[in-house]
N, C-alpha and C. Protein backbone atom coordinates (compact mmCIF):
# COMPACT_ATOMS: atom_id res chain seq x y z
N MET A 1 8.47 -29.75 -42.90
CA MET A 1 8.30 -30.22 -41.56
C MET A 1 8.18 -31.74 -41.55
N THR A 2 8.87 -32.39 -40.67
CA THR A 2 8.78 -33.85 -40.57
C THR A 2 7.59 -34.24 -39.73
N LYS A 3 7.24 -35.52 -39.80
CA LYS A 3 6.12 -36.02 -38.99
C LYS A 3 6.41 -35.83 -37.51
N ASN A 4 7.66 -36.05 -37.11
CA ASN A 4 8.03 -35.89 -35.71
C ASN A 4 7.81 -34.44 -35.25
N THR A 5 8.18 -33.48 -36.07
CA THR A 5 8.00 -32.07 -35.74
C THR A 5 6.51 -31.73 -35.69
N ASP A 6 5.72 -32.27 -36.65
CA ASP A 6 4.27 -32.05 -36.63
C ASP A 6 3.67 -32.57 -35.34
N PHE A 7 4.09 -33.75 -34.92
CA PHE A 7 3.58 -34.35 -33.70
C PHE A 7 3.96 -33.49 -32.49
N GLN A 8 5.20 -33.03 -32.47
CA GLN A 8 5.65 -32.21 -31.34
C GLN A 8 4.85 -30.92 -31.27
N GLU A 9 4.59 -30.31 -32.42
CA GLU A 9 3.82 -29.06 -32.44
C GLU A 9 2.39 -29.31 -31.97
N PHE A 10 1.78 -30.42 -32.42
CA PHE A 10 0.43 -30.77 -31.99
C PHE A 10 0.43 -31.03 -30.48
N ASP A 11 1.41 -31.76 -30.01
CA ASP A 11 1.54 -32.10 -28.60
C ASP A 11 1.69 -30.82 -27.77
N LEU A 12 2.48 -29.88 -28.24
CA LEU A 12 2.69 -28.63 -27.54
C LEU A 12 1.39 -27.82 -27.47
N GLU A 13 0.65 -27.77 -28.57
CA GLU A 13 -0.62 -27.05 -28.59
C GLU A 13 -1.61 -27.69 -27.62
N LYS A 14 -1.65 -29.00 -27.58
CA LYS A 14 -2.53 -29.72 -26.65
C LYS A 14 -2.15 -29.39 -25.21
N LEU A 15 -0.87 -29.35 -24.93
CA LEU A 15 -0.37 -29.02 -23.60
C LEU A 15 -0.73 -27.58 -23.25
N ARG A 16 -0.57 -26.67 -24.19
CA ARG A 16 -0.89 -25.25 -23.94
C ARG A 16 -2.35 -25.07 -23.52
N ARG A 17 -3.22 -25.87 -24.11
CA ARG A 17 -4.65 -25.74 -23.85
C ARG A 17 -5.11 -26.55 -22.63
N SER A 18 -4.27 -27.43 -22.13
CA SER A 18 -4.69 -28.28 -21.02
C SER A 18 -4.18 -27.81 -19.66
N LEU A 19 -3.43 -26.72 -19.63
CA LEU A 19 -2.94 -26.21 -18.35
C LEU A 19 -4.12 -25.81 -17.46
N ASP A 20 -4.03 -26.10 -16.21
CA ASP A 20 -5.07 -25.73 -15.26
C ASP A 20 -4.76 -24.34 -14.71
N LEU A 21 -4.83 -23.34 -15.61
CA LEU A 21 -4.55 -21.95 -15.27
C LEU A 21 -5.84 -21.17 -15.38
N TYR A 22 -6.15 -20.38 -14.35
CA TYR A 22 -7.45 -19.74 -14.23
C TYR A 22 -7.29 -18.37 -13.58
N MET A 23 -8.12 -17.39 -13.99
CA MET A 23 -8.13 -16.07 -13.36
C MET A 23 -9.54 -15.81 -12.84
N ASP A 24 -9.62 -15.43 -11.57
CA ASP A 24 -10.95 -15.15 -11.00
C ASP A 24 -11.38 -13.72 -11.28
N ARG A 25 -12.56 -13.36 -10.80
CA ARG A 25 -13.12 -12.04 -11.10
C ARG A 25 -12.37 -10.90 -10.41
N ASN A 26 -11.43 -11.23 -9.52
CA ASN A 26 -10.60 -10.21 -8.86
C ASN A 26 -9.20 -10.14 -9.45
N ALA A 27 -9.00 -10.76 -10.60
CA ALA A 27 -7.73 -10.76 -11.33
C ALA A 27 -6.65 -11.59 -10.63
N VAL A 28 -7.06 -12.54 -9.79
CA VAL A 28 -6.11 -13.44 -9.13
C VAL A 28 -5.94 -14.68 -10.00
N PHE A 29 -4.69 -15.01 -10.31
CA PHE A 29 -4.40 -16.22 -11.08
C PHE A 29 -4.30 -17.42 -10.15
N PHE A 30 -4.81 -18.56 -10.64
CA PHE A 30 -4.74 -19.83 -9.92
C PHE A 30 -4.12 -20.86 -10.84
N TYR A 31 -3.29 -21.72 -10.26
CA TYR A 31 -2.74 -22.86 -11.00
C TYR A 31 -3.07 -24.11 -10.21
N GLN A 32 -3.75 -25.04 -10.86
CA GLN A 32 -4.21 -26.28 -10.25
C GLN A 32 -4.98 -26.01 -8.95
N GLY A 33 -5.81 -24.96 -8.98
CA GLY A 33 -6.66 -24.64 -7.85
C GLY A 33 -6.02 -23.81 -6.76
N HIS A 34 -4.74 -23.52 -6.87
CA HIS A 34 -4.03 -22.75 -5.84
C HIS A 34 -3.67 -21.36 -6.37
N PRO A 35 -3.88 -20.32 -5.54
CA PRO A 35 -3.54 -18.96 -6.01
C PRO A 35 -2.04 -18.82 -6.23
N ILE A 36 -1.71 -18.11 -7.28
CA ILE A 36 -0.30 -17.78 -7.54
C ILE A 36 0.00 -16.54 -6.71
N GLU A 37 0.99 -16.62 -5.85
CA GLU A 37 1.26 -15.53 -4.91
C GLU A 37 2.53 -14.75 -5.19
N ASN A 38 3.40 -15.27 -6.04
CA ASN A 38 4.65 -14.58 -6.34
C ASN A 38 4.34 -13.32 -7.15
N GLU A 39 4.63 -12.15 -6.56
CA GLU A 39 4.30 -10.87 -7.19
C GLU A 39 4.95 -10.70 -8.57
N LYS A 40 6.17 -11.18 -8.74
CA LYS A 40 6.84 -11.05 -10.04
C LYS A 40 6.13 -11.87 -11.10
N VAL A 41 5.69 -13.07 -10.74
CA VAL A 41 4.96 -13.93 -11.68
C VAL A 41 3.61 -13.30 -12.02
N ILE A 42 2.93 -12.80 -11.00
CA ILE A 42 1.62 -12.16 -11.22
C ILE A 42 1.75 -10.98 -12.18
N ARG A 43 2.73 -10.11 -11.92
CA ARG A 43 2.96 -8.94 -12.77
C ARG A 43 3.31 -9.38 -14.20
N LEU A 44 4.17 -10.38 -14.32
CA LEU A 44 4.56 -10.90 -15.63
C LEU A 44 3.34 -11.42 -16.39
N PHE A 45 2.50 -12.21 -15.73
CA PHE A 45 1.30 -12.73 -16.37
C PHE A 45 0.40 -11.60 -16.85
N HIS A 46 0.13 -10.64 -15.98
CA HIS A 46 -0.77 -9.55 -16.35
C HIS A 46 -0.22 -8.73 -17.52
N GLN A 47 1.07 -8.52 -17.55
CA GLN A 47 1.66 -7.72 -18.62
C GLN A 47 1.67 -8.43 -19.97
N HIS A 48 1.43 -9.74 -19.97
CA HIS A 48 1.50 -10.51 -21.21
C HIS A 48 0.19 -11.20 -21.59
N ILE A 49 -0.92 -10.70 -21.03
CA ILE A 49 -2.22 -11.25 -21.39
C ILE A 49 -2.56 -10.83 -22.82
N CYS A 50 -3.04 -11.77 -23.59
CA CYS A 50 -3.46 -11.52 -24.97
C CYS A 50 -4.87 -12.07 -25.16
N PHE A 51 -5.50 -11.66 -26.23
CA PHE A 51 -6.87 -12.07 -26.53
C PHE A 51 -7.00 -12.36 -28.00
N ASN A 52 -7.56 -13.51 -28.34
CA ASN A 52 -7.84 -13.86 -29.73
C ASN A 52 -9.31 -13.57 -29.97
N ALA A 53 -9.61 -12.50 -30.69
CA ALA A 53 -10.99 -12.09 -30.92
C ALA A 53 -11.77 -13.12 -31.73
N GLN A 54 -11.09 -13.84 -32.61
CA GLN A 54 -11.76 -14.85 -33.43
C GLN A 54 -12.26 -16.02 -32.60
N THR A 55 -11.40 -16.53 -31.73
CA THR A 55 -11.77 -17.70 -30.94
C THR A 55 -12.29 -17.34 -29.55
N GLN A 56 -12.20 -16.05 -29.20
CA GLN A 56 -12.63 -15.56 -27.89
C GLN A 56 -11.83 -16.21 -26.75
N GLU A 57 -10.53 -16.48 -27.00
CA GLU A 57 -9.69 -17.13 -26.00
C GLU A 57 -8.67 -16.15 -25.44
N ASN A 58 -8.42 -16.29 -24.14
CA ASN A 58 -7.38 -15.52 -23.46
C ASN A 58 -6.14 -16.39 -23.33
N TYR A 59 -4.99 -15.76 -23.44
CA TYR A 59 -3.74 -16.50 -23.26
C TYR A 59 -2.65 -15.55 -22.81
N ILE A 60 -1.61 -16.14 -22.25
CA ILE A 60 -0.43 -15.40 -21.86
C ILE A 60 0.65 -15.75 -22.86
N GLN A 61 1.29 -14.74 -23.44
CA GLN A 61 2.36 -15.00 -24.39
C GLN A 61 3.61 -14.27 -23.95
N ILE A 62 4.65 -15.05 -23.69
CA ILE A 62 5.96 -14.51 -23.33
C ILE A 62 6.93 -15.06 -24.36
N ALA A 63 7.46 -14.16 -25.18
CA ALA A 63 8.29 -14.54 -26.34
C ALA A 63 7.44 -15.47 -27.21
N ASP A 64 7.93 -16.69 -27.51
CA ASP A 64 7.13 -17.59 -28.35
C ASP A 64 6.39 -18.64 -27.52
N GLN A 65 6.37 -18.47 -26.20
CA GLN A 65 5.67 -19.40 -25.32
C GLN A 65 4.25 -18.90 -25.04
N ILE A 66 3.28 -19.80 -25.15
CA ILE A 66 1.87 -19.45 -24.97
C ILE A 66 1.23 -20.40 -23.96
N ALA A 67 0.40 -19.84 -23.09
CA ALA A 67 -0.39 -20.64 -22.16
C ALA A 67 -1.81 -20.07 -22.15
N TYR A 68 -2.78 -20.89 -22.50
CA TYR A 68 -4.18 -20.47 -22.47
C TYR A 68 -4.70 -20.54 -21.05
N PHE A 69 -5.67 -19.69 -20.72
CA PHE A 69 -6.27 -19.75 -19.39
C PHE A 69 -7.75 -19.40 -19.47
N LYS A 70 -8.48 -19.86 -18.48
CA LYS A 70 -9.91 -19.58 -18.35
C LYS A 70 -10.09 -18.42 -17.38
N THR A 71 -11.25 -17.77 -17.47
CA THR A 71 -11.54 -16.67 -16.55
C THR A 71 -12.93 -16.85 -15.95
N GLU A 72 -13.11 -16.29 -14.76
CA GLU A 72 -14.43 -16.27 -14.15
C GLU A 72 -15.32 -15.28 -14.88
N THR A 73 -14.76 -14.12 -15.22
CA THR A 73 -15.52 -13.11 -15.96
C THR A 73 -14.71 -12.63 -17.15
N VAL A 74 -13.69 -11.82 -16.91
CA VAL A 74 -12.87 -11.24 -17.98
C VAL A 74 -11.40 -11.31 -17.62
N ALA A 75 -10.54 -11.12 -18.62
CA ALA A 75 -9.09 -11.14 -18.38
C ALA A 75 -8.49 -9.74 -18.32
N PHE A 76 -9.26 -8.75 -18.79
CA PHE A 76 -8.73 -7.39 -18.85
C PHE A 76 -9.48 -6.50 -17.85
N PHE A 77 -8.72 -5.69 -17.14
CA PHE A 77 -9.26 -4.82 -16.11
C PHE A 77 -8.75 -3.40 -16.32
N VAL A 78 -9.64 -2.43 -16.17
CA VAL A 78 -9.21 -1.04 -16.18
C VAL A 78 -8.86 -0.73 -14.73
N LYS A 79 -7.57 -0.47 -14.48
CA LYS A 79 -7.16 -0.24 -13.09
C LYS A 79 -7.08 1.23 -12.73
N SER A 80 -6.95 2.11 -13.73
CA SER A 80 -6.96 3.54 -13.45
C SER A 80 -7.25 4.33 -14.72
N ILE A 81 -7.48 5.61 -14.52
CA ILE A 81 -7.76 6.53 -15.62
C ILE A 81 -6.71 7.64 -15.58
N GLU A 82 -6.12 7.96 -16.71
CA GLU A 82 -5.18 9.07 -16.81
C GLU A 82 -5.81 10.12 -17.72
N SER A 83 -5.76 11.36 -17.27
CA SER A 83 -6.33 12.41 -18.12
C SER A 83 -5.47 13.66 -18.08
N ASP A 84 -5.50 14.34 -19.19
CA ASP A 84 -4.85 15.65 -19.29
C ASP A 84 -5.75 16.52 -20.17
N GLN A 85 -5.26 17.62 -20.65
CA GLN A 85 -6.07 18.54 -21.44
C GLN A 85 -6.52 17.93 -22.77
N GLN A 86 -5.72 17.02 -23.33
CA GLN A 86 -6.03 16.50 -24.65
C GLN A 86 -6.68 15.12 -24.69
N SER A 87 -6.48 14.31 -23.67
CA SER A 87 -7.00 12.95 -23.78
C SER A 87 -7.32 12.33 -22.43
N ILE A 88 -8.12 11.28 -22.51
CA ILE A 88 -8.43 10.45 -21.35
C ILE A 88 -8.03 9.04 -21.73
N LEU A 89 -7.17 8.43 -20.92
CA LEU A 89 -6.66 7.10 -21.21
C LEU A 89 -7.10 6.11 -20.14
N LEU A 90 -7.45 4.92 -20.59
CA LEU A 90 -7.74 3.80 -19.69
C LEU A 90 -6.44 3.04 -19.50
N VAL A 91 -6.06 2.77 -18.26
CA VAL A 91 -4.85 2.00 -17.98
C VAL A 91 -5.30 0.60 -17.58
N LEU A 92 -4.91 -0.39 -18.39
CA LEU A 92 -5.32 -1.77 -18.14
C LEU A 92 -4.34 -2.49 -17.24
N ASN A 93 -4.74 -3.66 -16.75
CA ASN A 93 -3.86 -4.50 -15.94
C ASN A 93 -2.64 -4.96 -16.73
N THR A 94 -2.69 -4.88 -18.03
CA THR A 94 -1.55 -5.25 -18.88
C THR A 94 -0.56 -4.08 -19.01
N GLU A 95 -0.89 -2.95 -18.40
CA GLU A 95 -0.16 -1.68 -18.48
C GLU A 95 -0.39 -0.96 -19.81
N GLU A 96 -1.21 -1.52 -20.65
CA GLU A 96 -1.57 -0.87 -21.91
C GLU A 96 -2.42 0.36 -21.61
N ARG A 97 -2.20 1.42 -22.36
CA ARG A 97 -2.99 2.64 -22.23
C ARG A 97 -3.84 2.79 -23.49
N ILE A 98 -5.14 2.95 -23.28
CA ILE A 98 -6.08 2.98 -24.40
C ILE A 98 -6.89 4.27 -24.33
N ASN A 99 -6.95 4.98 -25.44
CA ASN A 99 -7.75 6.19 -25.52
C ASN A 99 -9.23 5.82 -25.43
N ILE A 100 -10.01 6.69 -24.80
CA ILE A 100 -11.44 6.38 -24.65
C ILE A 100 -12.18 6.27 -25.97
N ASP A 101 -11.62 6.80 -27.05
CA ASP A 101 -12.30 6.65 -28.34
C ASP A 101 -12.28 5.21 -28.83
N GLN A 102 -11.56 4.33 -28.12
CA GLN A 102 -11.53 2.91 -28.48
C GLN A 102 -12.63 2.11 -27.77
N ILE A 103 -13.43 2.80 -26.96
CA ILE A 103 -14.58 2.14 -26.32
C ILE A 103 -15.69 2.01 -27.34
N GLU A 104 -16.24 0.83 -27.44
CA GLU A 104 -17.38 0.60 -28.33
C GLU A 104 -18.70 0.70 -27.57
N ARG A 105 -18.73 0.16 -26.35
CA ARG A 105 -19.98 0.10 -25.59
C ARG A 105 -19.67 0.06 -24.10
N VAL A 106 -20.56 0.62 -23.28
CA VAL A 106 -20.42 0.59 -21.82
C VAL A 106 -21.60 -0.18 -21.25
N TYR A 107 -21.30 -1.09 -20.33
CA TYR A 107 -22.33 -1.90 -19.67
C TYR A 107 -22.18 -1.75 -18.17
N SER A 108 -23.29 -1.89 -17.47
CA SER A 108 -23.23 -1.92 -16.01
C SER A 108 -24.05 -3.12 -15.54
N GLU A 109 -23.45 -3.90 -14.69
CA GLU A 109 -24.11 -5.08 -14.13
C GLU A 109 -24.94 -4.62 -12.94
N ASN A 110 -26.25 -4.41 -13.18
CA ASN A 110 -27.18 -3.95 -12.15
C ASN A 110 -26.68 -2.69 -11.42
N LEU A 111 -26.11 -1.77 -12.17
CA LEU A 111 -25.57 -0.51 -11.66
C LEU A 111 -24.48 -0.72 -10.61
N GLU A 112 -23.84 -1.87 -10.61
CA GLU A 112 -22.73 -2.15 -9.69
C GLU A 112 -21.43 -2.10 -10.46
N GLY A 113 -21.06 -3.20 -11.10
CA GLY A 113 -19.81 -3.26 -11.86
C GLY A 113 -19.97 -2.63 -13.23
N ILE A 114 -18.89 -2.06 -13.73
CA ILE A 114 -18.90 -1.45 -15.06
C ILE A 114 -17.97 -2.25 -15.97
N TYR A 115 -18.47 -2.57 -17.16
CA TYR A 115 -17.70 -3.29 -18.19
C TYR A 115 -17.62 -2.42 -19.43
N LEU A 116 -16.46 -2.42 -20.06
CA LEU A 116 -16.27 -1.69 -21.31
C LEU A 116 -15.98 -2.69 -22.41
N LYS A 117 -16.71 -2.60 -23.50
CA LYS A 117 -16.42 -3.40 -24.69
C LYS A 117 -15.59 -2.50 -25.59
N LEU A 118 -14.38 -2.93 -25.91
CA LEU A 118 -13.50 -2.15 -26.76
C LEU A 118 -13.75 -2.48 -28.22
N LYS A 119 -13.30 -1.62 -29.10
CA LYS A 119 -13.50 -1.83 -30.54
C LYS A 119 -12.78 -3.07 -31.05
N ASP A 120 -11.73 -3.51 -30.34
CA ASP A 120 -11.03 -4.73 -30.75
C ASP A 120 -11.69 -5.99 -30.17
N ARG A 121 -12.89 -5.83 -29.58
CA ARG A 121 -13.74 -6.89 -29.05
C ARG A 121 -13.33 -7.39 -27.66
N ARG A 122 -12.31 -6.80 -27.06
CA ARG A 122 -11.97 -7.17 -25.69
C ARG A 122 -13.01 -6.60 -24.73
N LEU A 123 -13.28 -7.34 -23.69
CA LEU A 123 -14.18 -6.90 -22.65
C LEU A 123 -13.36 -6.62 -21.40
N CYS A 124 -13.54 -5.44 -20.81
CA CYS A 124 -12.74 -5.03 -19.65
C CYS A 124 -13.66 -4.70 -18.48
N PHE A 125 -13.29 -5.15 -17.30
CA PHE A 125 -14.00 -4.77 -16.08
C PHE A 125 -13.28 -3.57 -15.49
N VAL A 126 -14.06 -2.58 -15.05
CA VAL A 126 -13.49 -1.37 -14.45
C VAL A 126 -13.40 -1.58 -12.94
N LEU A 127 -12.17 -1.61 -12.42
CA LEU A 127 -11.97 -1.80 -10.99
C LEU A 127 -12.50 -0.59 -10.21
N ARG A 128 -12.79 -0.79 -8.93
CA ARG A 128 -13.37 0.28 -8.10
C ARG A 128 -12.58 1.58 -8.13
N SER A 129 -11.26 1.48 -8.07
CA SER A 129 -10.44 2.70 -8.08
C SER A 129 -10.66 3.49 -9.37
N ALA A 130 -10.76 2.79 -10.48
CA ALA A 130 -11.00 3.46 -11.76
C ALA A 130 -12.46 3.94 -11.85
N GLN A 131 -13.39 3.19 -11.26
CA GLN A 131 -14.79 3.63 -11.25
C GLN A 131 -14.91 4.97 -10.53
N GLN A 132 -14.18 5.12 -9.44
CA GLN A 132 -14.20 6.39 -8.71
C GLN A 132 -13.65 7.52 -9.58
N GLN A 133 -12.63 7.22 -10.38
CA GLN A 133 -12.07 8.24 -11.26
C GLN A 133 -13.04 8.61 -12.39
N LEU A 134 -13.97 7.70 -12.72
CA LEU A 134 -14.95 7.96 -13.78
C LEU A 134 -16.17 8.73 -13.27
N GLN A 135 -16.35 8.80 -11.96
CA GLN A 135 -17.53 9.46 -11.39
C GLN A 135 -17.80 10.87 -11.95
N PRO A 136 -16.78 11.72 -12.12
CA PRO A 136 -17.07 13.07 -12.65
C PRO A 136 -17.69 13.07 -14.05
N TYR A 137 -17.54 11.98 -14.78
CA TYR A 137 -18.07 11.90 -16.15
C TYR A 137 -19.45 11.25 -16.22
N LEU A 138 -19.93 10.75 -15.08
CA LEU A 138 -21.22 10.04 -15.04
C LEU A 138 -22.37 11.04 -14.99
N GLU A 139 -23.35 10.85 -15.87
CA GLU A 139 -24.53 11.71 -15.90
C GLU A 139 -25.78 10.85 -15.95
N GLN A 140 -26.86 11.41 -15.43
CA GLN A 140 -28.14 10.71 -15.47
C GLN A 140 -29.19 11.63 -16.08
N GLU A 141 -29.97 11.04 -16.99
CA GLU A 141 -31.11 11.74 -17.59
C GLU A 141 -32.31 10.82 -17.46
N GLY A 142 -33.20 11.13 -16.55
CA GLY A 142 -34.33 10.25 -16.29
C GLY A 142 -33.82 8.93 -15.74
N ASP A 143 -34.18 7.82 -16.39
CA ASP A 143 -33.73 6.50 -15.98
C ASP A 143 -32.45 6.06 -16.70
N ASP A 144 -31.93 6.92 -17.57
CA ASP A 144 -30.76 6.56 -18.37
C ASP A 144 -29.48 7.15 -17.79
N TYR A 145 -28.38 6.39 -17.93
CA TYR A 145 -27.08 6.82 -17.45
C TYR A 145 -26.11 6.92 -18.63
N PHE A 146 -25.16 7.87 -18.54
CA PHE A 146 -24.19 8.11 -19.59
C PHE A 146 -22.83 8.42 -18.97
N PHE A 147 -21.77 8.13 -19.73
CA PHE A 147 -20.47 8.71 -19.46
C PHE A 147 -20.28 9.79 -20.50
N ASP A 148 -20.08 11.01 -20.07
CA ASP A 148 -19.93 12.13 -20.98
C ASP A 148 -18.50 12.65 -20.88
N PHE A 149 -17.70 12.39 -21.94
CA PHE A 149 -16.30 12.81 -21.99
C PHE A 149 -16.14 13.97 -22.95
N ALA A 150 -16.98 14.97 -22.85
CA ALA A 150 -16.95 16.17 -23.69
C ALA A 150 -17.26 15.84 -25.14
N LEU A 151 -16.29 15.35 -25.92
CA LEU A 151 -16.54 15.09 -27.34
C LEU A 151 -17.18 13.73 -27.60
N ILE A 152 -17.12 12.85 -26.62
CA ILE A 152 -17.68 11.50 -26.79
C ILE A 152 -18.62 11.21 -25.62
N ARG A 153 -19.80 10.70 -25.95
CA ARG A 153 -20.78 10.35 -24.92
C ARG A 153 -21.20 8.90 -25.11
N PHE A 154 -21.11 8.12 -24.02
CA PHE A 154 -21.44 6.70 -24.08
C PHE A 154 -22.65 6.40 -23.21
N PRO A 155 -23.75 5.89 -23.80
CA PRO A 155 -24.86 5.43 -22.97
C PRO A 155 -24.43 4.16 -22.22
N ILE A 156 -24.95 3.97 -21.03
CA ILE A 156 -24.62 2.79 -20.23
C ILE A 156 -25.80 1.83 -20.31
N LYS A 157 -25.54 0.66 -20.87
CA LYS A 157 -26.58 -0.36 -20.99
C LYS A 157 -26.56 -1.20 -19.71
N ILE A 158 -27.72 -1.29 -19.06
CA ILE A 158 -27.83 -2.06 -17.82
C ILE A 158 -28.08 -3.53 -18.17
N ILE A 159 -27.29 -4.41 -17.56
CA ILE A 159 -27.43 -5.85 -17.77
C ILE A 159 -27.57 -6.52 -16.40
N GLU A 160 -28.04 -7.77 -16.40
CA GLU A 160 -28.17 -8.50 -15.14
C GLU A 160 -26.90 -9.25 -14.78
N GLN A 161 -26.21 -9.77 -15.79
CA GLN A 161 -24.96 -10.48 -15.54
C GLN A 161 -24.06 -10.41 -16.76
N VAL A 162 -22.76 -10.54 -16.52
CA VAL A 162 -21.75 -10.34 -17.57
C VAL A 162 -21.92 -11.33 -18.73
N GLU A 163 -22.50 -12.49 -18.48
CA GLU A 163 -22.67 -13.47 -19.56
C GLU A 163 -23.49 -12.90 -20.71
N GLN A 164 -24.37 -11.94 -20.43
CA GLN A 164 -25.16 -11.32 -21.48
C GLN A 164 -24.27 -10.60 -22.50
N ILE A 165 -23.18 -10.02 -22.04
CA ILE A 165 -22.24 -9.33 -22.93
C ILE A 165 -21.45 -10.36 -23.72
N LYS A 166 -20.95 -11.38 -23.04
CA LYS A 166 -20.14 -12.40 -23.69
C LYS A 166 -20.91 -13.08 -24.82
N ASP A 167 -22.22 -13.25 -24.62
CA ASP A 167 -23.04 -13.90 -25.64
C ASP A 167 -23.19 -13.05 -26.90
N GLN A 168 -22.91 -11.75 -26.81
CA GLN A 168 -23.06 -10.85 -27.95
C GLN A 168 -21.85 -10.86 -28.87
N ASN A 169 -20.75 -11.50 -28.48
CA ASN A 169 -19.55 -11.53 -29.32
C ASN A 169 -19.79 -12.30 -30.53
């Protein structure tokens, strides 16, 4: 690699990290403070969200192009639940389908929002539509709450705010 190529690569990485790209807690992307409204762009961004567990950074990767972005809470959302006789799958905003056995921990923010910590260290917020689909699996024993999926049972840890989970990474 020549010095010029090294400089270009450094410059590109600096540019990737300096974009004013942001996702709010409702999964709306903003660029330079303005919401991105083009549905095709929004869908493309959501389908290409990635997470670096080592650095705890979110980014969008399309082919070899990368753009880092900040989030208000999380970058991954469970938008629905698919179930059949053999499995229960979480459907993320990225269109990825994840078996529930990949859940490491379940959190609830003051019994309102539900967050799932996956075994790959991603943190996902469960959207209302998916929360409604999870209702049949919700159980209460005394003051404790659980999701009971027949072979797998997850206790729900109550937290005051999502930052408590992020600090545990």
